[in-house]
Amino acid sequence: VGYSFAHGEINIVAWVNRGLADAGAISNLDWEDPKKAPAQLKEGLTIIHETQPVIRSLMMVRRTLDAEMKERLASVLARMHETSKGKAALNKYFKVSRYDPLIGQAAVGLDSARRIWRLPWKQND
């Protein structure tokens, strides 16, 4: 099996559509974006696999940041989806709908992403 970098999502979809590649992989957000995956190029293509949802954004701060500032940042991000301005800002940032704390299923999602991408860091590092 060979692989190639297509230098853009639209190229991935176009190459598979035109038979230049047998398969391609893009994110669900790119698949739904008509600029990156136009309807005419998606015709005749079939999704053969989807991964579990993967965390797209993390709030990271330096370890030396004041604890009160960390809490304030987390609080603002956690409530952004409650206002129209906040929703608009989140949507512009990769169509994020909200930020959730890394507990329960969200923490499991981060562990899954770490395994998929073989990331060396762990939560709270």
N, C-alpha and C. Protein backbone atom coordinates (compact mmCIF):
# COMPACT_ATOMS: atom_id res chain seq x y z
N VAL A 1 0.85 -1.18 0.00
CA VAL A 1 0.00 0.00 0.00
C VAL A 1 0.89 1.23 0.00
N GLY A 2 0.66 2.11 -0.93
CA GLY A 2 1.39 3.37 -0.98
C GLY A 2 0.54 4.49 -0.43
N TYR A 3 1.16 5.62 -0.19
CA TYR A 3 0.41 6.77 0.27
C TYR A 3 1.02 8.03 -0.32
N SER A 4 0.23 9.09 -0.31
CA SER A 4 0.67 10.36 -0.86
C SER A 4 0.01 11.48 -0.07
N PHE A 5 0.67 12.60 0.01
CA PHE A 5 0.09 13.78 0.64
C PHE A 5 -0.52 14.64 -0.46
N ALA A 6 -1.79 14.96 -0.32
CA ALA A 6 -2.52 15.66 -1.37
C ALA A 6 -2.45 17.18 -1.24
N HIS A 7 -1.91 17.67 -0.16
CA HIS A 7 -1.78 19.12 0.05
C HIS A 7 -3.12 19.83 0.03
N GLY A 8 -4.08 19.29 0.73
CA GLY A 8 -5.38 19.94 0.85
C GLY A 8 -6.52 18.95 0.73
N GLU A 9 -7.56 19.21 1.51
CA GLU A 9 -8.70 18.30 1.56
C GLU A 9 -9.41 18.19 0.22
N ILE A 10 -9.56 19.32 -0.49
CA ILE A 10 -10.25 19.26 -1.78
C ILE A 10 -9.49 18.35 -2.74
N ASN A 11 -8.16 18.32 -2.65
CA ASN A 11 -7.37 17.43 -3.50
C ASN A 11 -7.62 15.97 -3.15
N ILE A 12 -7.75 15.68 -1.87
CA ILE A 12 -8.02 14.29 -1.46
C ILE A 12 -9.32 13.81 -2.09
N VAL A 13 -10.38 14.62 -1.94
CA VAL A 13 -11.68 14.25 -2.49
C VAL A 13 -11.61 14.15 -4.02
N ALA A 14 -10.94 15.10 -4.65
CA ALA A 14 -10.83 15.10 -6.12
C ALA A 14 -10.05 13.89 -6.62
N TRP A 15 -8.95 13.55 -5.96
CA TRP A 15 -8.14 12.40 -6.40
C TRP A 15 -8.93 11.10 -6.34
N VAL A 16 -9.67 10.91 -5.25
CA VAL A 16 -10.47 9.69 -5.13
C VAL A 16 -11.59 9.71 -6.16
N ASN A 17 -12.25 10.85 -6.33
CA ASN A 17 -13.33 10.98 -7.31
C ASN A 17 -12.85 10.66 -8.72
N ARG A 18 -11.66 11.09 -9.06
CA ARG A 18 -11.13 10.90 -10.42
C ARG A 18 -10.35 9.61 -10.61
N GLY A 19 -10.27 8.80 -9.54
CA GLY A 19 -9.58 7.52 -9.66
C GLY A 19 -8.07 7.62 -9.56
N LEU A 20 -7.54 8.77 -9.15
CA LEU A 20 -6.09 8.91 -8.97
C LEU A 20 -5.63 8.27 -7.67
N ALA A 21 -6.58 8.07 -6.75
CA ALA A 21 -6.31 7.39 -5.48
C ALA A 21 -7.50 6.48 -5.20
N ASP A 22 -7.23 5.36 -4.55
CA ASP A 22 -8.31 4.42 -4.23
C ASP A 22 -9.10 4.84 -3.00
N ALA A 23 -8.46 5.57 -2.09
CA ALA A 23 -9.11 5.98 -0.85
C ALA A 23 -8.44 7.25 -0.33
N GLY A 24 -9.14 7.94 0.53
CA GLY A 24 -8.60 9.14 1.16
C GLY A 24 -9.20 9.29 2.54
N ALA A 25 -8.60 10.15 3.35
CA ALA A 25 -9.11 10.38 4.70
C ALA A 25 -9.13 11.88 4.98
N ILE A 26 -10.30 12.36 5.43
CA ILE A 26 -10.44 13.75 5.85
C ILE A 26 -11.35 13.79 7.07
N SER A 27 -11.37 14.91 7.76
CA SER A 27 -12.22 15.03 8.94
C SER A 27 -13.68 15.20 8.53
N ASN A 28 -14.57 14.92 9.45
CA ASN A 28 -16.00 15.09 9.18
C ASN A 28 -16.33 16.56 8.90
N LEU A 29 -15.63 17.49 9.54
CA LEU A 29 -15.89 18.90 9.29
C LEU A 29 -15.50 19.28 7.86
N ASP A 30 -14.38 18.74 7.38
CA ASP A 30 -13.97 19.02 6.01
C ASP A 30 -14.93 18.36 5.01
N TRP A 31 -15.41 17.17 5.32
CA TRP A 31 -16.36 16.47 4.44
C TRP A 31 -17.64 17.27 4.30
N GLU A 32 -18.06 17.94 5.37
CA GLU A 32 -19.29 18.72 5.36
C GLU A 32 -19.11 20.13 4.80
N ASP A 33 -17.88 20.55 4.57
CA ASP A 33 -17.59 21.90 4.06
C ASP A 33 -17.54 21.88 2.53
N PRO A 34 -18.49 22.54 1.86
CA PRO A 34 -18.53 22.50 0.40
C PRO A 34 -17.29 23.09 -0.28
N LYS A 35 -16.53 23.92 0.43
CA LYS A 35 -15.30 24.46 -0.15
C LYS A 35 -14.19 23.41 -0.16
N LYS A 36 -14.24 22.50 0.80
CA LYS A 36 -13.20 21.47 0.90
C LYS A 36 -13.62 20.14 0.30
N ALA A 37 -14.93 19.91 0.23
CA ALA A 37 -15.47 18.68 -0.36
C ALA A 37 -16.74 19.03 -1.12
N PRO A 38 -16.59 19.61 -2.32
CA PRO A 38 -17.76 20.01 -3.11
C PRO A 38 -18.67 18.83 -3.45
N ALA A 39 -19.96 19.09 -3.49
CA ALA A 39 -20.95 18.03 -3.75
C ALA A 39 -20.65 17.25 -5.02
N GLN A 40 -20.25 17.94 -6.09
CA GLN A 40 -20.00 17.24 -7.35
C GLN A 40 -18.81 16.29 -7.25
N LEU A 41 -17.85 16.57 -6.36
CA LEU A 41 -16.72 15.65 -6.18
C LEU A 41 -17.08 14.50 -5.24
N LYS A 42 -18.05 14.72 -4.34
CA LYS A 42 -18.45 13.67 -3.40
C LYS A 42 -19.36 12.63 -4.06
N GLU A 43 -19.95 12.99 -5.21
CA GLU A 43 -20.84 12.05 -5.90
C GLU A 43 -20.08 10.77 -6.23
N GLY A 44 -20.68 9.66 -5.93
CA GLY A 44 -20.07 8.36 -6.23
C GLY A 44 -19.07 7.88 -5.20
N LEU A 45 -18.79 8.70 -4.18
CA LEU A 45 -17.86 8.28 -3.13
C LEU A 45 -18.65 7.69 -1.97
N THR A 46 -18.06 6.75 -1.28
CA THR A 46 -18.69 6.09 -0.15
C THR A 46 -17.79 6.17 1.06
N ILE A 47 -18.35 6.54 2.20
CA ILE A 47 -17.59 6.53 3.45
C ILE A 47 -17.48 5.07 3.89
N ILE A 48 -16.24 4.59 4.03
CA ILE A 48 -16.05 3.18 4.39
C ILE A 48 -15.65 3.01 5.86
N HIS A 49 -15.25 4.09 6.52
CA HIS A 49 -14.90 3.99 7.94
C HIS A 49 -14.98 5.36 8.59
N GLU A 50 -15.45 5.39 9.82
CA GLU A 50 -15.44 6.60 10.63
C GLU A 50 -14.85 6.26 11.98
N THR A 51 -13.97 7.13 12.48
CA THR A 51 -13.40 6.91 13.80
C THR A 51 -14.39 7.39 14.85
N GLN A 52 -14.11 7.06 16.09
CA GLN A 52 -14.88 7.62 17.18
C GLN A 52 -14.61 9.12 17.21
N PRO A 53 -15.53 9.91 17.77
CA PRO A 53 -15.26 11.35 17.88
C PRO A 53 -13.93 11.59 18.61
N VAL A 54 -13.19 12.56 18.12
CA VAL A 54 -11.88 12.88 18.69
C VAL A 54 -11.90 14.33 19.15
N ILE A 55 -11.33 14.59 20.29
CA ILE A 55 -11.24 15.95 20.81
C ILE A 55 -10.46 16.79 19.81
N ARG A 56 -11.00 17.96 19.49
CA ARG A 56 -10.36 18.84 18.50
C ARG A 56 -9.60 19.99 19.14
N SER A 57 -10.00 20.41 20.31
CA SER A 57 -9.38 21.58 20.94
C SER A 57 -9.19 21.34 22.43
N LEU A 58 -8.07 21.78 22.92
CA LEU A 58 -7.80 21.71 24.34
C LEU A 58 -7.37 23.09 24.82
N MET A 59 -7.77 23.46 26.01
CA MET A 59 -7.25 24.67 26.62
C MET A 59 -5.97 24.27 27.34
N MET A 60 -4.89 24.90 26.97
CA MET A 60 -3.62 24.62 27.62
C MET A 60 -3.05 25.91 28.17
N VAL A 61 -2.48 25.84 29.34
CA VAL A 61 -1.82 26.99 29.94
C VAL A 61 -0.48 26.53 30.51
N ARG A 62 0.40 27.49 30.68
CA ARG A 62 1.70 27.13 31.27
C ARG A 62 1.51 26.80 32.75
N ARG A 63 2.34 25.93 33.25
CA ARG A 63 2.21 25.49 34.65
C ARG A 63 2.34 26.62 35.64
N THR A 64 3.07 27.66 35.29
CA THR A 64 3.31 28.76 36.22
C THR A 64 2.21 29.83 36.20
N LEU A 65 1.20 29.67 35.34
CA LEU A 65 0.12 30.65 35.29
C LEU A 65 -0.64 30.65 36.61
N ASP A 66 -0.98 31.83 37.08
CA ASP A 66 -1.70 31.99 38.33
C ASP A 66 -2.97 31.13 38.33
N ALA A 67 -3.21 30.43 39.44
CA ALA A 67 -4.36 29.52 39.55
C ALA A 67 -5.68 30.24 39.33
N GLU A 68 -5.79 31.47 39.83
CA GLU A 68 -7.03 32.23 39.65
C GLU A 68 -7.27 32.53 38.16
N MET A 69 -6.20 32.84 37.45
CA MET A 69 -6.32 33.10 36.01
C MET A 69 -6.74 31.83 35.27
N LYS A 70 -6.18 30.69 35.65
CA LYS A 70 -6.56 29.41 35.04
C LYS A 70 -8.05 29.16 35.22
N GLU A 71 -8.53 29.36 36.44
CA GLU A 71 -9.95 29.14 36.74
C GLU A 71 -10.83 30.09 35.93
N ARG A 72 -10.41 31.33 35.82
CA ARG A 72 -11.19 32.32 35.07
C ARG A 72 -11.27 31.94 33.60
N LEU A 73 -10.14 31.55 33.01
CA LEU A 73 -10.13 31.12 31.61
C LEU A 73 -11.05 29.92 31.39
N ALA A 74 -10.94 28.93 32.27
CA ALA A 74 -11.78 27.74 32.15
C ALA A 74 -13.25 28.10 32.27
N SER A 75 -13.57 29.01 33.19
CA SER A 75 -14.96 29.43 33.40
C SER A 75 -15.51 30.14 32.17
N VAL A 76 -14.74 31.05 31.60
CA VAL A 76 -15.19 31.78 30.41
C VAL A 76 -15.41 30.82 29.24
N LEU A 77 -14.46 29.92 29.01
CA LEU A 77 -14.61 28.96 27.91
C LEU A 77 -15.81 28.04 28.13
N ALA A 78 -16.03 27.62 29.35
CA ALA A 78 -17.12 26.69 29.65
C ALA A 78 -18.49 27.32 29.42
N ARG A 79 -18.57 28.67 29.50
CA ARG A 79 -19.86 29.34 29.34
C ARG A 79 -20.04 30.05 28.00
N MET A 80 -19.04 30.02 27.14
CA MET A 80 -19.11 30.75 25.87
C MET A 80 -20.34 30.38 25.04
N HIS A 81 -20.72 29.12 25.05
CA HIS A 81 -21.84 28.66 24.22
C HIS A 81 -23.19 29.21 24.69
N GLU A 82 -23.21 29.89 25.83
CA GLU A 82 -24.47 30.39 26.38
C GLU A 82 -24.88 31.76 25.81
N THR A 83 -24.00 32.41 25.07
CA THR A 83 -24.33 33.72 24.49
C THR A 83 -24.18 33.67 22.97
N SER A 84 -24.88 34.56 22.29
CA SER A 84 -24.79 34.57 20.83
C SER A 84 -23.39 34.95 20.36
N LYS A 85 -22.74 35.91 21.03
CA LYS A 85 -21.36 36.27 20.66
C LYS A 85 -20.42 35.10 20.90
N GLY A 86 -20.60 34.42 22.01
CA GLY A 86 -19.76 33.27 22.32
C GLY A 86 -19.95 32.15 21.31
N LYS A 87 -21.21 31.87 20.97
CA LYS A 87 -21.50 30.83 19.97
C LYS A 87 -20.86 31.17 18.63
N ALA A 88 -20.94 32.43 18.24
CA ALA A 88 -20.36 32.85 16.96
C ALA A 88 -18.84 32.66 16.97
N ALA A 89 -18.20 33.03 18.08
CA ALA A 89 -16.75 32.87 18.18
C ALA A 89 -16.36 31.39 18.14
N LEU A 90 -17.09 30.56 18.85
CA LEU A 90 -16.81 29.12 18.85
C LEU A 90 -17.00 28.53 17.46
N ASN A 91 -18.05 28.94 16.78
CA ASN A 91 -18.32 28.42 15.44
C ASN A 91 -17.21 28.79 14.46
N LYS A 92 -16.67 29.99 14.59
CA LYS A 92 -15.57 30.40 13.71
C LYS A 92 -14.33 29.56 13.96
N TYR A 93 -14.19 29.08 15.18
CA TYR A 93 -13.03 28.27 15.54
C TYR A 93 -13.37 26.80 15.29
N PHE A 94 -13.26 26.35 14.09
CA PHE A 94 -13.47 24.96 13.69
C PHE A 94 -14.83 24.41 14.09
N LYS A 95 -15.85 25.28 14.09
CA LYS A 95 -17.22 24.87 14.40
C LYS A 95 -17.35 24.18 15.75
N VAL A 96 -16.55 24.63 16.71
CA VAL A 96 -16.65 24.10 18.07
C VAL A 96 -18.00 24.52 18.63
N SER A 97 -18.73 23.61 19.25
CA SER A 97 -20.03 23.95 19.80
C SER A 97 -19.95 24.36 21.27
N ARG A 98 -18.98 23.83 21.98
CA ARG A 98 -18.80 24.17 23.40
C ARG A 98 -17.53 23.53 23.91
N TYR A 99 -17.08 24.01 25.04
CA TYR A 99 -15.94 23.40 25.74
C TYR A 99 -16.47 22.68 26.96
N ASP A 100 -15.98 21.49 27.19
CA ASP A 100 -16.37 20.70 28.35
C ASP A 100 -15.13 20.34 29.14
N PRO A 101 -15.27 20.17 30.46
CA PRO A 101 -14.11 19.73 31.25
C PRO A 101 -13.71 18.30 30.86
N LEU A 102 -12.44 18.00 31.03
CA LEU A 102 -11.94 16.66 30.68
C LEU A 102 -12.21 15.68 31.82
N ILE A 103 -13.47 15.29 31.91
CA ILE A 103 -13.86 14.28 32.89
C ILE A 103 -14.74 13.27 32.17
N GLY A 104 -14.88 12.10 32.74
CA GLY A 104 -15.75 11.09 32.16
C GLY A 104 -15.42 10.76 30.72
N GLN A 105 -16.42 10.84 29.84
CA GLN A 105 -16.26 10.47 28.44
C GLN A 105 -15.26 11.36 27.71
N ALA A 106 -15.18 12.64 28.09
CA ALA A 106 -14.22 13.54 27.45
C ALA A 106 -12.79 13.08 27.72
N ALA A 107 -12.51 12.64 28.94
CA ALA A 107 -11.17 12.14 29.27
C ALA A 107 -10.88 10.86 28.49
N VAL A 108 -11.89 10.02 28.31
CA VAL A 108 -11.73 8.80 27.51
C VAL A 108 -11.40 9.19 26.07
N GLY A 109 -12.07 10.22 25.56
CA GLY A 109 -11.79 10.70 24.21
C GLY A 109 -10.36 11.16 24.05
N LEU A 110 -9.82 11.82 25.06
CA LEU A 110 -8.43 12.26 25.00
C LEU A 110 -7.49 11.07 25.02
N ASP A 111 -7.80 10.07 25.82
CA ASP A 111 -6.98 8.85 25.84
C ASP A 111 -7.01 8.17 24.48
N SER A 112 -8.18 8.15 23.84
CA SER A 112 -8.28 7.55 22.50
C SER A 112 -7.42 8.32 21.50
N ALA A 113 -7.49 9.65 21.55
CA ALA A 113 -6.68 10.47 20.65
C ALA A 113 -5.20 10.22 20.89
N ARG A 114 -4.81 10.11 22.13
CA ARG A 114 -3.40 9.86 22.47
C ARG A 114 -2.94 8.54 21.85
N ARG A 115 -3.79 7.51 21.92
CA ARG A 115 -3.42 6.21 21.34
C ARG A 115 -3.36 6.28 19.81
N ILE A 116 -4.35 6.95 19.21
CA ILE A 116 -4.39 7.06 17.75
C ILE A 116 -3.14 7.75 17.24
N TRP A 117 -2.78 8.85 17.87
CA TRP A 117 -1.65 9.65 17.38
C TRP A 117 -0.35 9.35 18.11
N ARG A 118 -0.39 8.38 19.03
CA ARG A 118 0.79 7.98 19.80
C ARG A 118 1.44 9.18 20.48
N LEU A 119 0.61 9.98 21.14
CA LEU A 119 1.11 11.18 21.80
C LEU A 119 1.76 10.82 23.13
N PRO A 120 2.88 11.47 23.46
CA PRO A 120 3.60 11.12 24.68
C PRO A 120 3.03 11.75 25.95
N TRP A 121 2.31 12.85 25.85
CA TRP A 121 1.86 13.55 27.04
C TRP A 121 0.59 12.96 27.60
N LYS A 122 0.35 13.27 28.86
CA LYS A 122 -0.86 12.81 29.53
C LYS A 122 -1.54 14.00 30.18
N GLN A 123 -2.81 13.83 30.51
CA GLN A 123 -3.57 14.89 31.16
C GLN A 123 -2.85 15.28 32.45
N ASN A 124 -2.85 16.57 32.74
CA ASN A 124 -2.22 17.16 33.93
C ASN A 124 -0.71 17.09 33.91
N ASP A 125 -0.10 16.81 32.76
CA ASP A 125 1.36 16.85 32.68
C ASP A 125 1.83 18.29 32.74
